[in-house]
């Protein structure tokens, strides 16, 4: 799998799945019984998973922020409509 294909694969995976896989890798690394080469490969994979999860979190924060602003605008519109009725 090429780097762009791998990134696309991670982008498609659910956030919870990314975190679970990251936890499994951390546990394997912490156990300390992997050969050096495999430890390095797993560490690289963990970095990719972390980056994908962090990107997903930033996207969620942006969405929530935008929704919050939208709700604030809706509340302002309702208040203005109510004031106009009076």
PDB file of N, CA and C in Angstrom:
ATOM      1  N   UNK A   1       0.852  -1.172   0.000  1.00  0.00           N
ATOM      2  CA  UNK A   1       0.000   0.000   0.000  1.00  0.00           C
ATOM      3  C   UNK A   1       0.900   1.238   0.000  1.00  0.00           C
ATOM      4  N   UNK A   2       0.603   2.200  -0.907  1.00  0.00           N
ATOM      5  CA  UNK A   2       1.402   3.418  -0.974  1.00  0.00           C
ATOM      6  C   UNK A   2       0.975   4.379   0.126  1.00  0.00           C
ATOM      7  N   UNK A   3       1.787   5.393   0.356  1.00  0.00           N
ATOM      8  CA  UNK A   3       1.500   6.377   1.408  1.00  0.00           C
ATOM      9  C   UNK A   3       0.129   7.043   1.226  1.00  0.00           C
ATOM     10  N   UNK A   4      -0.212   7.557   0.011  1.00  0.00           N
ATOM     11  CA  UNK A   4      -1.549   8.158  -0.152  1.00  0.00           C
ATOM     12  C   UNK A   4      -2.684   7.159   0.066  1.00  0.00           C
ATOM     13  N   UNK A   5      -2.490   5.905  -0.370  1.00  0.00           N
ATOM     14  CA  UNK A   5      -3.516   4.883  -0.144  1.00  0.00           C
ATOM     15  C   UNK A   5      -3.685   4.621   1.347  1.00  0.00           C
ATOM     16  N   UNK A   6      -2.576   4.556   2.055  1.00  0.00           N
ATOM     17  CA  UNK A   6      -2.631   4.319   3.501  1.00  0.00           C
ATOM     18  C   UNK A   6      -3.331   5.468   4.206  1.00  0.00           C
ATOM     19  N   UNK A   7      -3.038   6.703   3.803  1.00  0.00           N
ATOM     20  CA  UNK A   7      -3.679   7.869   4.407  1.00  0.00           C
ATOM     21  C   UNK A   7      -5.181   7.857   4.130  1.00  0.00           C
ATOM     22  N   UNK A   8      -5.553   7.485   2.907  1.00  0.00           N
ATOM     23  CA  UNK A   8      -6.970   7.416   2.555  1.00  0.00           C
ATOM     24  C   UNK A   8      -7.665   6.333   3.375  1.00  0.00           C
ATOM     25  N   UNK A   9      -6.981   5.207   3.577  1.00  0.00           N
ATOM     26  CA  UNK A   9      -7.533   4.124   4.392  1.00  0.00           C
ATOM     27  C   UNK A   9      -7.801   4.610   5.811  1.00  0.00           C
ATOM     28  N   UNK A  10      -6.857   5.331   6.386  1.00  0.00           N
ATOM     29  CA  UNK A  10      -7.032   5.847   7.742  1.00  0.00           C
ATOM     30  C   UNK A  10      -8.163   6.867   7.802  1.00  0.00           C
ATOM     31  N   UNK A  11      -8.306   7.671   6.772  1.00  0.00           N
ATOM     32  CA  UNK A  11      -9.361   8.677   6.740  1.00  0.00           C
ATOM     33  C   UNK A  11     -10.745   8.040   6.723  1.00  0.00           C
ATOM     34  N   UNK A  12     -10.834   6.815   6.199  1.00  0.00           N
ATOM     35  CA  UNK A  12     -12.117   6.122   6.100  1.00  0.00           C
ATOM     36  C   UNK A  12     -12.489   5.381   7.380  1.00  0.00           C
ATOM     37  N   UNK A  13     -11.503   5.096   8.215  1.00  0.00           N
ATOM     38  CA  UNK A  13     -11.769   4.296   9.412  1.00  0.00           C
ATOM     39  C   UNK A  13     -12.427   5.136  10.501  1.00  0.00           C
ATOM     40  N   UNK A  14     -13.339   4.540  11.267  1.00  0.00           N
ATOM     41  CA  UNK A  14     -13.982   5.274  12.362  1.00  0.00           C
ATOM     42  C   UNK A  14     -12.961   5.695  13.423  1.00  0.00           C
ATOM     43  N   UNK A  15     -13.218   6.822  14.069  1.00  0.00           N
ATOM     44  CA  UNK A  15     -12.322   7.353  15.086  1.00  0.00           C
ATOM     45  C   UNK A  15     -12.050   6.324  16.180  1.00  0.00           C
ATOM     46  N   UNK A  16     -13.097   5.680  16.662  1.00  0.00           N
ATOM     47  CA  UNK A  16     -12.934   4.691  17.745  1.00  0.00           C
ATOM     48  C   UNK A  16     -12.009   3.551  17.330  1.00  0.00           C
ATOM     49  N   UNK A  17     -12.069   3.174  16.065  1.00  0.00           N
ATOM     50  CA  UNK A  17     -11.204   2.111  15.557  1.00  0.00           C
ATOM     51  C   UNK A  17      -9.740   2.580  15.535  1.00  0.00           C
ATOM     52  N   UNK A  18      -9.521   3.828  15.151  1.00  0.00           N
ATOM     53  CA  UNK A  18      -8.165   4.379  15.152  1.00  0.00           C
ATOM     54  C   UNK A  18      -7.577   4.359  16.566  1.00  0.00           C
ATOM     55  N   UNK A  19      -8.377   4.794  17.527  1.00  0.00           N
ATOM     56  CA  UNK A  19      -7.911   4.852  18.912  1.00  0.00           C
ATOM     57  C   UNK A  19      -7.645   3.446  19.455  1.00  0.00           C
ATOM     58  N   UNK A  20      -8.523   2.501  19.145  1.00  0.00           N
ATOM     59  CA  UNK A  20      -8.341   1.130  19.628  1.00  0.00           C
ATOM     60  C   UNK A  20      -7.057   0.522  19.063  1.00  0.00           C
ATOM     61  N   UNK A  21      -6.810   0.742  17.775  1.00  0.00           N
ATOM     62  CA  UNK A  21      -5.588   0.222  17.160  1.00  0.00           C
ATOM     63  C   UNK A  21      -4.355   0.886  17.770  1.00  0.00           C
ATOM     64  N   UNK A  22      -4.447   2.167  18.003  1.00  0.00           N
ATOM     65  CA  UNK A  22      -3.341   2.890  18.638  1.00  0.00           C
ATOM     66  C   UNK A  22      -3.059   2.329  20.028  1.00  0.00           C
ATOM     67  N   UNK A  23      -4.099   2.042  20.776  1.00  0.00           N
ATOM     68  CA  UNK A  23      -3.932   1.461  22.114  1.00  0.00           C
ATOM     69  C   UNK A  23      -3.274   0.084  22.042  1.00  0.00           C
ATOM     70  N   UNK A  24      -3.672  -0.720  21.059  1.00  0.00           N
ATOM     71  CA  UNK A  24      -3.056  -2.047  20.914  1.00  0.00           C
ATOM     72  C   UNK A  24      -1.556  -1.931  20.621  1.00  0.00           C
ATOM     73  N   UNK A  25      -1.201  -0.989  19.769  1.00  0.00           N
ATOM     74  CA  UNK A  25       0.218  -0.795  19.441  1.00  0.00           C
ATOM     75  C   UNK A  25       0.987  -0.330  20.662  1.00  0.00           C
ATOM     76  N   UNK A  26       0.429   0.614  21.398  1.00  0.00           N
ATOM     77  CA  UNK A  26       1.107   1.117  22.605  1.00  0.00           C
ATOM     78  C   UNK A  26       1.321  -0.015  23.594  1.00  0.00           C
ATOM     79  N   UNK A  27       0.324  -0.856  23.780  1.00  0.00           N
ATOM     80  CA  UNK A  27       0.462  -1.984  24.712  1.00  0.00           C
ATOM     81  C   UNK A  27       1.560  -2.942  24.255  1.00  0.00           C
ATOM     82  N   UNK A  28       1.605  -3.209  22.945  1.00  0.00           N
ATOM     83  CA  UNK A  28       2.642  -4.103  22.421  1.00  0.00           C
ATOM     84  C   UNK A  28       4.031  -3.500  22.616  1.00  0.00           C
ATOM     85  N   UNK A  29       4.143  -2.198  22.382  1.00  0.00           N
ATOM     86  CA  UNK A  29       5.444  -1.544  22.567  1.00  0.00           C
ATOM     87  C   UNK A  29       5.843  -1.508  24.042  1.00  0.00           C
ATOM     88  N   UNK A  30       4.880  -1.247  24.901  1.00  0.00           N
ATOM     89  CA  UNK A  30       5.175  -1.192  26.331  1.00  0.00           C
ATOM     90  C   UNK A  30       5.576  -2.555  26.882  1.00  0.00           C
ATOM     91  N   UNK A  31       5.061  -3.627  26.294  1.00  0.00           N
ATOM     92  CA  UNK A  31       5.415  -4.969  26.751  1.00  0.00           C
ATOM     93  C   UNK A  31       6.910  -5.218  26.569  1.00  0.00           C
ATOM     94  N   UNK A  32       7.491  -4.575  25.547  1.00  0.00           N
ATOM     95  CA  UNK A  32       8.933  -4.637  25.357  1.00  0.00           C
ATOM     96  C   UNK A  32       9.486  -5.950  24.829  1.00  0.00           C
ATOM     97  N   UNK A  33       8.642  -6.800  24.265  1.00  0.00           N
ATOM     98  CA  UNK A  33       9.149  -8.085  23.795  1.00  0.00           C
ATOM     99  C   UNK A  33       9.179  -8.203  22.271  1.00  0.00           C
ATOM    100  N   UNK A  34       9.083  -7.083  21.570  1.00  0.00           N
ATOM    101  CA  UNK A  34       9.150  -7.086  20.104  1.00  0.00           C
ATOM    102  C   UNK A  34      10.588  -6.867  19.647  1.00  0.00           C
ATOM    103  N   UNK A  35      10.952  -7.436  18.515  1.00  0.00           N
ATOM    104  CA  UNK A  35      12.268  -7.130  17.955  1.00  0.00           C
ATOM    105  C   UNK A  35      12.344  -5.638  17.594  1.00  0.00           C
ATOM    106  N   UNK A  36      13.533  -5.101  17.561  1.00  0.00           N
ATOM    107  CA  UNK A  36      13.734  -3.680  17.302  1.00  0.00           C
ATOM    108  C   UNK A  36      13.053  -3.229  16.014  1.00  0.00           C
ATOM    109  N   UNK A  37      13.245  -3.969  14.936  1.00  0.00           N
ATOM    110  CA  UNK A  37      12.681  -3.577  13.642  1.00  0.00           C
ATOM    111  C   UNK A  37      11.156  -3.508  13.696  1.00  0.00           C
ATOM    112  N   UNK A  38      10.548  -4.479  14.356  1.00  0.00           N
ATOM    113  CA  UNK A  38       9.096  -4.481  14.467  1.00  0.00           C
ATOM    114  C   UNK A  38       8.619  -3.351  15.379  1.00  0.00           C
ATOM    115  N   UNK A  39       9.373  -3.072  16.423  1.00  0.00           N
ATOM    116  CA  UNK A  39       9.037  -1.955  17.307  1.00  0.00           C
ATOM    117  C   UNK A  39       9.033  -0.641  16.523  1.00  0.00           C
ATOM    118  N   UNK A  40      10.014  -0.464  15.687  1.00  0.00           N
ATOM    119  CA  UNK A  40      10.090   0.761  14.883  1.00  0.00           C
ATOM    120  C   UNK A  40       8.924   0.831  13.911  1.00  0.00           C
ATOM    121  N   UNK A  41       8.614  -0.288  13.261  1.00  0.00           N
ATOM    122  CA  UNK A  41       7.490  -0.316  12.319  1.00  0.00           C
ATOM    123  C   UNK A  41       6.178  -0.010  13.033  1.00  0.00           C
ATOM    124  N   UNK A  42       5.991  -0.580  14.198  1.00  0.00           N
ATOM    125  CA  UNK A  42       4.765  -0.318  14.961  1.00  0.00           C
ATOM    126  C   UNK A  42       4.710   1.128  15.433  1.00  0.00           C
ATOM    127  N   UNK A  43       5.861   1.670  15.815  1.00  0.00           N
ATOM    128  CA  UNK A  43       5.905   3.068  16.240  1.00  0.00           C
ATOM    129  C   UNK A  43       5.502   3.988  15.083  1.00  0.00           C
ATOM    130  N   UNK A  44       6.020   3.692  13.888  1.00  0.00           N
ATOM    131  CA  UNK A  44       5.629   4.484  12.700  1.00  0.00           C
ATOM    132  C   UNK A  44       4.121   4.408  12.473  1.00  0.00           C
ATOM    133  N   UNK A  45       3.576   3.209  12.577  1.00  0.00           N
ATOM    134  CA  UNK A  45       2.134   3.035  12.399  1.00  0.00           C
ATOM    135  C   UNK A  45       1.366   3.819  13.468  1.00  0.00           C
ATOM    136  N   UNK A  46       1.858   3.800  14.686  1.00  0.00           N
ATOM    137  CA  UNK A  46       1.213   4.549  15.765  1.00  0.00           C
ATOM    138  C   UNK A  46       1.213   6.046  15.465  1.00  0.00           C
ATOM    139  N   UNK A  47       2.305   6.553  14.910  1.00  0.00           N
ATOM    140  CA  UNK A  47       2.362   7.967  14.546  1.00  0.00           C
ATOM    141  C   UNK A  47       1.319   8.303  13.477  1.00  0.00           C
ATOM    142  N   UNK A  48       1.162   7.411  12.497  1.00  0.00           N
ATOM    143  CA  UNK A  48       0.158   7.619  11.452  1.00  0.00           C
ATOM    144  C   UNK A  48      -1.260   7.598  12.038  1.00  0.00           C
ATOM    145  N   UNK A  49      -1.512   6.645  12.915  1.00  0.00           N
ATOM    146  CA  UNK A  49      -2.820   6.551  13.552  1.00  0.00           C
ATOM    147  C   UNK A  49      -3.108   7.786  14.401  1.00  0.00           C
ATOM    148  N   UNK A  50      -2.095   8.222  15.148  1.00  0.00           N
ATOM    149  CA  UNK A  50      -2.251   9.409  15.989  1.00  0.00           C
ATOM    150  C   UNK A  50      -2.576  10.623  15.138  1.00  0.00           C
ATOM    151  N   UNK A  51      -1.855  10.805  14.034  1.00  0.00           N
ATOM    152  CA  UNK A  51      -2.092  11.947  13.156  1.00  0.00           C
ATOM    153  C   UNK A  51      -3.510  11.900  12.579  1.00  0.00           C
ATOM    154  N   UNK A  52      -3.958  10.721  12.174  1.00  0.00           N
ATOM    155  CA  UNK A  52      -5.306  10.587  11.616  1.00  0.00           C
ATOM    156  C   UNK A  52      -6.364  10.888  12.674  1.00  0.00           C
ATOM    157  N   UNK A  53      -6.168  10.393  13.886  1.00  0.00           N
ATOM    158  CA  UNK A  53      -7.118  10.648  14.966  1.00  0.00           C
ATOM    159  C   UNK A  53      -7.134  12.126  15.338  1.00  0.00           C
ATOM    160  N   UNK A  54      -5.967  12.741  15.380  1.00  0.00           N
ATOM    161  CA  UNK A  54      -5.882  14.169  15.711  1.00  0.00           C
ATOM    162  C   UNK A  54      -6.583  15.011  14.642  1.00  0.00           C
ATOM    163  N   UNK A  55      -6.407  14.649  13.384  1.00  0.00           N
ATOM    164  CA  UNK A  55      -7.088  15.352  12.299  1.00  0.00           C
ATOM    165  C   UNK A  55      -8.598  15.223  12.460  1.00  0.00           C
ATOM    166  N   UNK A  56      -9.046  14.012  12.770  1.00  0.00           N
ATOM    167  CA  UNK A  56     -10.476  13.784  12.961  1.00  0.00           C
ATOM    168  C   UNK A  56     -11.015  14.627  14.108  1.00  0.00           C
ATOM    169  N   UNK A  57     -10.235  14.739  15.194  1.00  0.00           N
ATOM    170  CA  UNK A  57     -10.672  15.554  16.332  1.00  0.00           C
ATOM    171  C   UNK A  57     -10.753  17.032  15.955  1.00  0.00           C
ATOM    172  N   UNK A  58      -9.771  17.516  15.210  1.00  0.00           N
ATOM    173  CA  UNK A  58      -9.804  18.922  14.770  1.00  0.00           C
ATOM    174  C   UNK A  58     -11.029  19.183  13.901  1.00  0.00           C
ATOM    175  N   UNK A  59     -11.328  18.245  13.010  1.00  0.00           N
ATOM    176  CA  UNK A  59     -12.515  18.392  12.161  1.00  0.00           C
ATOM    177  C   UNK A  59     -13.790  18.423  13.003  1.00  0.00           C
ATOM    178  N   UNK A  60     -13.849  17.575  14.019  1.00  0.00           N
ATOM    179  CA  UNK A  60     -15.017  17.555  14.893  1.00  0.00           C
ATOM    180  C   UNK A  60     -15.136  18.859  15.669  1.00  0.00           C
ATOM    181  N   UNK A  61     -14.023  19.378  16.165  1.00  0.00           N
ATOM    182  CA  UNK A  61     -14.042  20.658  16.884  1.00  0.00           C
ATOM    183  C   UNK A  61     -14.534  21.779  15.977  1.00  0.00           C
ATOM    184  N   UNK A  62     -14.074  21.785  14.736  1.00  0.00           N
ATOM    185  CA  UNK A  62     -14.501  22.801  13.779  1.00  0.00           C
ATOM    186  C   UNK A  62     -15.994  22.684  13.509  1.00  0.00           C
ATOM    187  N   UNK A  63     -16.474  21.472  13.324  1.00  0.00           N
ATOM    188  CA  UNK A  63     -17.904  21.259  13.089  1.00  0.00           C
ATOM    189  C   UNK A  63     -18.721  21.738  14.269  1.00  0.00           C
ATOM    190  N   UNK A  64     -18.297  21.390  15.468  1.00  0.00           N
ATOM    191  CA  UNK A  64     -19.018  21.804  16.677  1.00  0.00           C
ATOM    192  C   UNK A  64     -19.006  23.319  16.805  1.00  0.00           C
ATOM    193  N   UNK A  65     -17.869  23.926  16.533  1.00  0.00           N
ATOM    194  CA  UNK A  65     -17.756  25.380  16.592  1.00  0.00           C
ATOM    195  C   UNK A  65     -18.710  26.038  15.593  1.00  0.00           C
ATOM    196  N   UNK A  66     -18.733  25.503  14.374  1.00  0.00           N
ATOM    197  CA  UNK A  66     -19.627  26.056  13.350  1.00  0.00           C
ATOM    198  C   UNK A  66     -21.089  25.865  13.736  1.00  0.00           C
ATOM    199  N   UNK A  67     -21.412  24.726  14.301  1.00  0.00           N
ATOM    200  CA  UNK A  67     -22.788  24.489  14.734  1.00  0.00           C
ATOM    201  C   UNK A  67     -23.162  25.448  15.861  1.00  0.00           C
ATOM    202  N   UNK A  68     -22.220  25.676  16.767  1.00  0.00           N
ATOM    203  CA  UNK A  68     -22.465  26.608  17.873  1.00  0.00           C
ATOM    204  C   UNK A  68     -22.718  28.016  17.364  1.00  0.00           C
ATOM    205  N   UNK A  69     -21.939  28.438  16.382  1.00  0.00           N
ATOM    206  CA  UNK A  69     -22.157  29.769  15.800  1.00  0.00           C
ATOM    207  C   UNK A  69     -23.498  29.816  15.093  1.00  0.00           C
ATOM    208  N   UNK A  70     -23.836  28.729  14.428  1.00  0.00           N
ATOM    209  CA  UNK A  70     -25.130  28.671  13.743  1.00  0.00           C
ATOM    210  C   UNK A  70     -26.281  28.754  14.721  1.00  0.00           C
ATOM    211  N   UNK A  71     -26.159  28.086  15.853  1.00  0.00           N
ATOM    212  CA  UNK A  71     -27.204  28.135  16.872  1.00  0.00           C
ATOM    213  C   UNK A  71     -27.284  29.522  17.469  1.00  0.00           C
ATOM    214  N   UNK A  72     -26.128  30.162  17.644  1.00  0.00           N
ATOM    215  CA  UNK A  72     -26.117  31.532  18.152  1.00  0.00           C
ATOM    216  C   UNK A  72     -26.825  32.466  17.198  1.00  0.00           C
ATOM    217  N   UNK A  73     -26.629  32.261  15.898  1.00  0.00           N
ATOM    218  CA  UNK A  73     -27.299  33.075  14.886  1.00  0.00           C
ATOM    219  C   UNK A  73     -28.794  32.806  14.908  1.00  0.00           C
ATOM    220  N   UNK A  74     -29.182  31.545  15.088  1.00  0.00           N
ATOM    221  CA  UNK A  74     -30.596  31.203  15.162  1.00  0.00           C
ATOM    222  C   UNK A  74     -31.248  31.878  16.355  1.00  0.00           C
ATOM    223  N   UNK A  75     -30.569  31.888  17.498  1.00  0.00           N
ATOM    224  CA  UNK A  75     -31.104  32.520  18.695  1.00  0.00           C
ATOM    225  C   UNK A  75     -31.234  34.020  18.482  1.00  0.00           C
ATOM    226  N   UNK A  76     -30.264  34.638  17.811  1.00  0.00           N
ATOM    227  CA  UNK A  76     -30.323  36.074  17.527  1.00  0.00           C
ATOM    228  C   UNK A  76     -31.480  36.381  16.597  1.00  0.00           C
ATOM    229  N   UNK A  77     -31.686  35.538  15.592  1.00  0.00           N
ATOM    230  CA  UNK A  77     -32.790  35.725  14.655  1.00  0.00           C
ATOM    231  C   UNK A  77     -34.131  35.627  15.370  1.00  0.00           C
ATOM    232  N   UNK A  78     -34.242  34.647  16.286  1.00  0.00           N
ATOM    233  CA  UNK A  78     -35.499  34.492  17.041  1.00  0.00           C
ATOM    234  C   UNK A  78     -35.737  35.684  17.935  1.00  0.00           C
ATOM    235  N   UNK A  79     -34.690  36.174  18.587  1.00  0.00           N
ATOM    236  CA  UNK A  79     -34.825  37.333  19.458  1.00  0.00           C
ATOM    237  C   UNK A  79     -35.245  38.565  18.651  1.00  0.00           C
ATOM    238  N   UNK A  80     -34.656  38.758  17.494  1.00  0.00           N
ATOM    239  CA  UNK A  80     -35.005  39.890  16.649  1.00  0.00           C
ATOM    240  C   UNK A  80     -36.440  39.769  16.169  1.00  0.00           C
ATOM    241  N   UNK A  81     -36.869  38.566  15.836  1.00  0.00           N
ATOM    242  CA  UNK A  81     -38.241  38.366  15.380  1.00  0.00           C
ATOM    243  C   UNK A  81     -39.234  38.643  16.506  1.00  0.00           C
ATOM    244  N   UNK A  82     -38.866  38.219  17.721  1.00  0.00           N
ATOM    245  CA  UNK A  82     -39.728  38.443  18.873  1.00  0.00           C
ATOM    246  C   UNK A  82     -39.842  39.926  19.183  1.00  0.00           C
ATOM    247  N   UNK A  83     -38.712  40.660  19.108  1.00  0.00           N
ATOM    248  CA  UNK A  83     -38.720  42.086  19.362  1.00  0.00           C
ATOM    249  C   UNK A  83     -39.539  42.829  18.321  1.00  0.00           C
ATOM    250  N   UNK A  84     -39.481  42.356  17.084  1.00  0.00           N
ATOM    251  CA  UNK A  84     -40.239  42.992  16.003  1.00  0.00           C
ATOM    252  C   UNK A  84     -41.738  42.822  16.167  1.00  0.00           C
ATOM    253  N   UNK A  85     -42.163  41.775  16.892  1.00  0.00           N
ATOM    254  CA  UNK A  85     -43.581  41.518  17.070  1.00  0.00           C
ATOM    255  C   UNK A  85     -44.183  42.443  18.118  1.00  0.00           C
ATOM    256  N   UNK A  86     -43.322  42.967  18.997  1.00  0.00           N
ATOM    257  CA  UNK A  86     -43.803  43.696  20.153  1.00  0.00           C
ATOM    258  C   UNK A  86     -44.052  45.084  19.917  1.00  0.00           C
TER     259      UNK A  86
END
